[in-house]
């Protein structure tokens, strides 16, 4: 399996500095600041990228599980919501909510829920986030 890379550069102090994150593939580059991470400032932040990674990983895992069981999904749309909280030990990611809507012909809601929960447990990003609460809200469209 290939190794993926990404990089970040930060200049200045925590509150007034700014940085750039970029993917090794060149598919994305974006600026981030204290305000974009801990407030509502312009730019991206690491948690947004974790949310995108988790949503993408979960969607692919779900598609694979469904296909192996003979159910080809027409569409899987997942949004990752990542909660960053400050505590005595510093800031940490405490929760990820995956909101998923899918169109899977011939599959009933109960079976879809089982597939979604299994994909959330087993996708590589979920496994990497083992100490974080992961909630899946899924439904068929």
C-alpha atoms as a PDB file:
ATOM      1  CA  UNK A   1       0.000   0.000   0.000  1.00  0.00           C
ATOM      2  CA  UNK A   2       1.315   3.483  -0.755  1.00  0.00           C
ATOM      3  CA  UNK A   3       2.300   5.953   1.943  1.00  0.00           C
ATOM      4  CA  UNK A   4       0.449   9.282   1.729  1.00  0.00           C
ATOM      5  CA  UNK A   5       1.939  12.614   2.717  1.00  0.00           C
ATOM      6  CA  UNK A   6       0.777  16.047   3.704  1.00  0.00           C
ATOM      7  CA  UNK A   7       2.676  18.974   5.114  1.00  0.00           C
ATOM      8  CA  UNK A   8       2.104  22.059   7.172  1.00  0.00           C
ATOM      9  CA  UNK A   9       4.120  25.172   7.833  1.00  0.00           C
ATOM     10  CA  UNK A  10       3.427  27.651  10.632  1.00  0.00           C
ATOM     11  CA  UNK A  11       4.974  31.113  10.951  1.00  0.00           C
ATOM     12  CA  UNK A  12       4.754  33.292  14.038  1.00  0.00           C
ATOM     13  CA  UNK A  13       3.293  32.784  17.472  1.00  0.00           C
ATOM     14  CA  UNK A  14       0.117  30.824  18.200  1.00  0.00           C
ATOM     15  CA  UNK A  15      -2.413  33.670  18.254  1.00  0.00           C
ATOM     16  CA  UNK A  16      -1.008  35.971  15.569  1.00  0.00           C
ATOM     17  CA  UNK A  17       0.757  33.515  13.292  1.00  0.00           C
ATOM     18  CA  UNK A  18      -0.528  31.795  10.196  1.00  0.00           C
ATOM     19  CA  UNK A  19       0.130  28.611   8.367  1.00  0.00           C
ATOM     20  CA  UNK A  20      -0.437  26.606   5.231  1.00  0.00           C
ATOM     21  CA  UNK A  21      -1.351  22.949   4.870  1.00  0.00           C
ATOM     22  CA  UNK A  22      -0.978  21.052   1.631  1.00  0.00           C
ATOM     23  CA  UNK A  23      -1.461  17.532   0.367  1.00  0.00           C
ATOM     24  CA  UNK A  24       1.484  15.715  -1.161  1.00  0.00           C
ATOM     25  CA  UNK A  25      -0.620  14.982  -4.239  1.00  0.00           C
ATOM     26  CA  UNK A  26      -1.117  18.702  -4.867  1.00  0.00           C
ATOM     27  CA  UNK A  27      -4.902  18.279  -4.742  1.00  0.00           C
ATOM     28  CA  UNK A  28      -5.308  20.762  -1.874  1.00  0.00           C
ATOM     29  CA  UNK A  29      -3.517  23.687  -0.274  1.00  0.00           C
ATOM     30  CA  UNK A  30      -5.080  26.016   2.283  1.00  0.00           C
ATOM     31  CA  UNK A  31      -4.269  28.589   4.903  1.00  0.00           C
ATOM     32  CA  UNK A  32      -5.069  28.281   8.582  1.00  0.00           C
ATOM     33  CA  UNK A  33      -4.825  30.562  11.592  1.00  0.00           C
ATOM     34  CA  UNK A  34      -5.665  30.564  15.277  1.00  0.00           C
ATOM     35  CA  UNK A  35      -8.998  32.182  14.380  1.00  0.00           C
ATOM     36  CA  UNK A  36      -9.846  29.557  11.734  1.00  0.00           C
ATOM     37  CA  UNK A  37      -9.158  26.799  14.215  1.00  0.00           C
ATOM     38  CA  UNK A  38     -10.415  28.035  17.573  1.00  0.00           C
ATOM     39  CA  UNK A  39     -12.899  30.728  16.505  1.00  0.00           C
ATOM     40  CA  UNK A  40     -14.875  31.384  13.310  1.00  0.00           C
ATOM     41  CA  UNK A  41     -12.074  32.897  11.227  1.00  0.00           C
ATOM     42  CA  UNK A  42     -11.454  32.505   7.526  1.00  0.00           C
ATOM     43  CA  UNK A  43      -9.413  29.516   6.408  1.00  0.00           C
ATOM     44  CA  UNK A  44      -9.285  25.822   7.172  1.00  0.00           C
ATOM     45  CA  UNK A  45      -8.081  23.862  10.191  1.00  0.00           C
ATOM     46  CA  UNK A  46      -6.809  20.371  10.984  1.00  0.00           C
ATOM     47  CA  UNK A  47     -10.201  19.256  12.304  1.00  0.00           C
ATOM     48  CA  UNK A  48     -11.921  20.121   9.023  1.00  0.00           C
ATOM     49  CA  UNK A  49      -9.392  17.973   7.200  1.00  0.00           C
ATOM     50  CA  UNK A  50      -9.929  15.117   9.689  1.00  0.00           C
ATOM     51  CA  UNK A  51     -13.681  15.429   9.022  1.00  0.00           C
ATOM     52  CA  UNK A  52     -13.142  15.196   5.273  1.00  0.00           C
ATOM     53  CA  UNK A  53     -10.809  12.235   5.662  1.00  0.00           C
ATOM     54  CA  UNK A  54     -13.231  10.411   7.942  1.00  0.00           C
ATOM     55  CA  UNK A  55     -16.256  11.098   5.718  1.00  0.00           C
ATOM     56  CA  UNK A  56     -14.367   9.882   2.660  1.00  0.00           C
ATOM     57  CA  UNK A  57     -13.003   6.776   4.356  1.00  0.00           C
ATOM     58  CA  UNK A  58     -16.375   5.836   5.852  1.00  0.00           C
ATOM     59  CA  UNK A  59     -18.165   6.331   2.497  1.00  0.00           C
ATOM     60  CA  UNK A  60     -15.684   4.078   0.712  1.00  0.00           C
ATOM     61  CA  UNK A  61     -15.836   1.415   3.432  1.00  0.00           C
ATOM     62  CA  UNK A  62     -19.634   1.460   3.328  1.00  0.00           C
ATOM     63  CA  UNK A  63     -19.655   1.196  -0.477  1.00  0.00           C
ATOM     64  CA  UNK A  64     -17.266  -1.748  -0.324  1.00  0.00           C
ATOM     65  CA  UNK A  65     -19.244  -3.588   2.359  1.00  0.00           C
ATOM     66  CA  UNK A  66     -22.494  -3.053   0.483  1.00  0.00           C
ATOM     67  CA  UNK A  67     -21.016  -4.226  -2.834  1.00  0.00           C
ATOM     68  CA  UNK A  68     -19.543  -7.378  -1.278  1.00  0.00           C
ATOM     69  CA  UNK A  69     -23.062  -8.202  -0.041  1.00  0.00           C
ATOM     70  CA  UNK A  70     -24.551  -7.635  -3.513  1.00  0.00           C
ATOM     71  CA  UNK A  71     -25.928  -4.122  -2.947  1.00  0.00           C
ATOM     72  CA  UNK A  72     -24.390  -1.480  -5.187  1.00  0.00           C
ATOM     73  CA  UNK A  73     -24.923   2.018  -3.836  1.00  0.00           C
ATOM     74  CA  UNK A  74     -25.954   4.638  -6.370  1.00  0.00           C
ATOM     75  CA  UNK A  75     -24.848   7.413  -4.021  1.00  0.00           C
ATOM     76  CA  UNK A  76     -23.336   7.792  -0.563  1.00  0.00           C
ATOM     77  CA  UNK A  77     -23.001  11.312   0.838  1.00  0.00           C
ATOM     78  CA  UNK A  78     -21.325  11.741   4.214  1.00  0.00           C
ATOM     79  CA  UNK A  79     -20.558  14.863   6.224  1.00  0.00           C
ATOM     80  CA  UNK A  80     -18.041  14.667   9.065  1.00  0.00           C
ATOM     81  CA  UNK A  81     -18.518  16.976  12.051  1.00  0.00           C
ATOM     82  CA  UNK A  82     -15.418  17.108  14.251  1.00  0.00           C
ATOM     83  CA  UNK A  83     -15.609  18.564  17.765  1.00  0.00           C
ATOM     84  CA  UNK A  84     -12.486  20.140  19.241  1.00  0.00           C
ATOM     85  CA  UNK A  85     -12.695  20.913  22.958  1.00  0.00           C
ATOM     86  CA  UNK A  86     -10.315  22.676  25.315  1.00  0.00           C
ATOM     87  CA  UNK A  87      -9.632  21.071  28.663  1.00  0.00           C
ATOM     88  CA  UNK A  88      -7.114  21.018  31.472  1.00  0.00           C
ATOM     89  CA  UNK A  89      -4.704  18.981  29.341  1.00  0.00           C
ATOM     90  CA  UNK A  90      -5.148  21.212  26.280  1.00  0.00           C
ATOM     91  CA  UNK A  91      -7.339  20.957  23.201  1.00  0.00           C
ATOM     92  CA  UNK A  92      -8.357  17.565  21.855  1.00  0.00           C
ATOM     93  CA  UNK A  93     -10.766  16.048  19.369  1.00  0.00           C
ATOM     94  CA  UNK A  94     -13.537  14.537  21.468  1.00  0.00           C
ATOM     95  CA  UNK A  95     -16.207  13.525  18.997  1.00  0.00           C
ATOM     96  CA  UNK A  96     -16.846  12.888  15.314  1.00  0.00           C
ATOM     97  CA  UNK A  97     -20.384  12.698  13.959  1.00  0.00           C
ATOM     98  CA  UNK A  98     -20.810  11.168  10.514  1.00  0.00           C
ATOM     99  CA  UNK A  99     -24.083  12.170   8.864  1.00  0.00           C
ATOM    100  CA  UNK A 100     -24.694   9.837   5.951  1.00  0.00           C
ATOM    101  CA  UNK A 101     -27.432   9.674   3.350  1.00  0.00           C
ATOM    102  CA  UNK A 102     -27.321   6.939   0.738  1.00  0.00           C
ATOM    103  CA  UNK A 103     -29.317   5.597  -2.154  1.00  0.00           C
ATOM    104  CA  UNK A 104     -29.050   1.817  -2.273  1.00  0.00           C
ATOM    105  CA  UNK A 105     -31.726   0.140  -4.402  1.00  0.00           C
ATOM    106  CA  UNK A 106     -33.289  -2.971  -2.896  1.00  0.00           C
ATOM    107  CA  UNK A 107     -31.924  -2.467   0.616  1.00  0.00           C
ATOM    108  CA  UNK A 108     -34.180  -1.856   3.611  1.00  0.00           C
ATOM    109  CA  UNK A 109     -33.437   0.695   6.337  1.00  0.00           C
ATOM    110  CA  UNK A 110     -32.612  -1.847   9.079  1.00  0.00           C
ATOM    111  CA  UNK A 111     -30.051  -3.622   6.913  1.00  0.00           C
ATOM    112  CA  UNK A 112     -28.560  -0.298   5.846  1.00  0.00           C
ATOM    113  CA  UNK A 113     -28.130   0.726   9.492  1.00  0.00           C
ATOM    114  CA  UNK A 114     -26.183  -2.471  10.182  1.00  0.00           C
ATOM    115  CA  UNK A 115     -23.893  -1.823   7.203  1.00  0.00           C
ATOM    116  CA  UNK A 116     -23.345   1.794   8.269  1.00  0.00           C
ATOM    117  CA  UNK A 117     -22.434   0.863  11.849  1.00  0.00           C
ATOM    118  CA  UNK A 118     -20.029  -1.810  10.630  1.00  0.00           C
ATOM    119  CA  UNK A 119     -18.335   0.595   8.210  1.00  0.00           C
ATOM    120  CA  UNK A 120     -17.962   3.173  10.989  1.00  0.00           C
ATOM    121  CA  UNK A 121     -16.253   0.603  13.234  1.00  0.00           C
ATOM    122  CA  UNK A 122     -13.909  -0.712  10.573  1.00  0.00           C
ATOM    123  CA  UNK A 123     -12.831   2.097   8.256  1.00  0.00           C
ATOM    124  CA  UNK A 124      -9.121   2.925   8.721  1.00  0.00           C
ATOM    125  CA  UNK A 125      -9.776   6.493   9.881  1.00  0.00           C
ATOM    126  CA  UNK A 126     -12.214   5.287  12.552  1.00  0.00           C
ATOM    127  CA  UNK A 127      -9.566   2.870  13.750  1.00  0.00           C
ATOM    128  CA  UNK A 128      -7.002   5.689  13.864  1.00  0.00           C
ATOM    129  CA  UNK A 129      -9.437   7.713  15.987  1.00  0.00           C
ATOM    130  CA  UNK A 130      -9.963   4.869  18.456  1.00  0.00           C
ATOM    131  CA  UNK A 131     -10.033   7.142  21.527  1.00  0.00           C
ATOM    132  CA  UNK A 132     -12.664   9.455  20.059  1.00  0.00           C
ATOM    133  CA  UNK A 133     -16.440   9.075  20.300  1.00  0.00           C
ATOM    134  CA  UNK A 134     -17.780   8.310  16.808  1.00  0.00           C
ATOM    135  CA  UNK A 135     -21.494   8.700  16.117  1.00  0.00           C
ATOM    136  CA  UNK A 136     -23.128   7.654  12.854  1.00  0.00           C
ATOM    137  CA  UNK A 137     -26.437   9.122  11.737  1.00  0.00           C
ATOM    138  CA  UNK A 138     -27.378   7.316   8.555  1.00  0.00           C
ATOM    139  CA  UNK A 139     -30.460   7.009   6.402  1.00  0.00           C
ATOM    140  CA  UNK A 140     -31.537   5.847   3.001  1.00  0.00           C
ATOM    141  CA  UNK A 141     -32.859   8.416   0.580  1.00  0.00           C
END
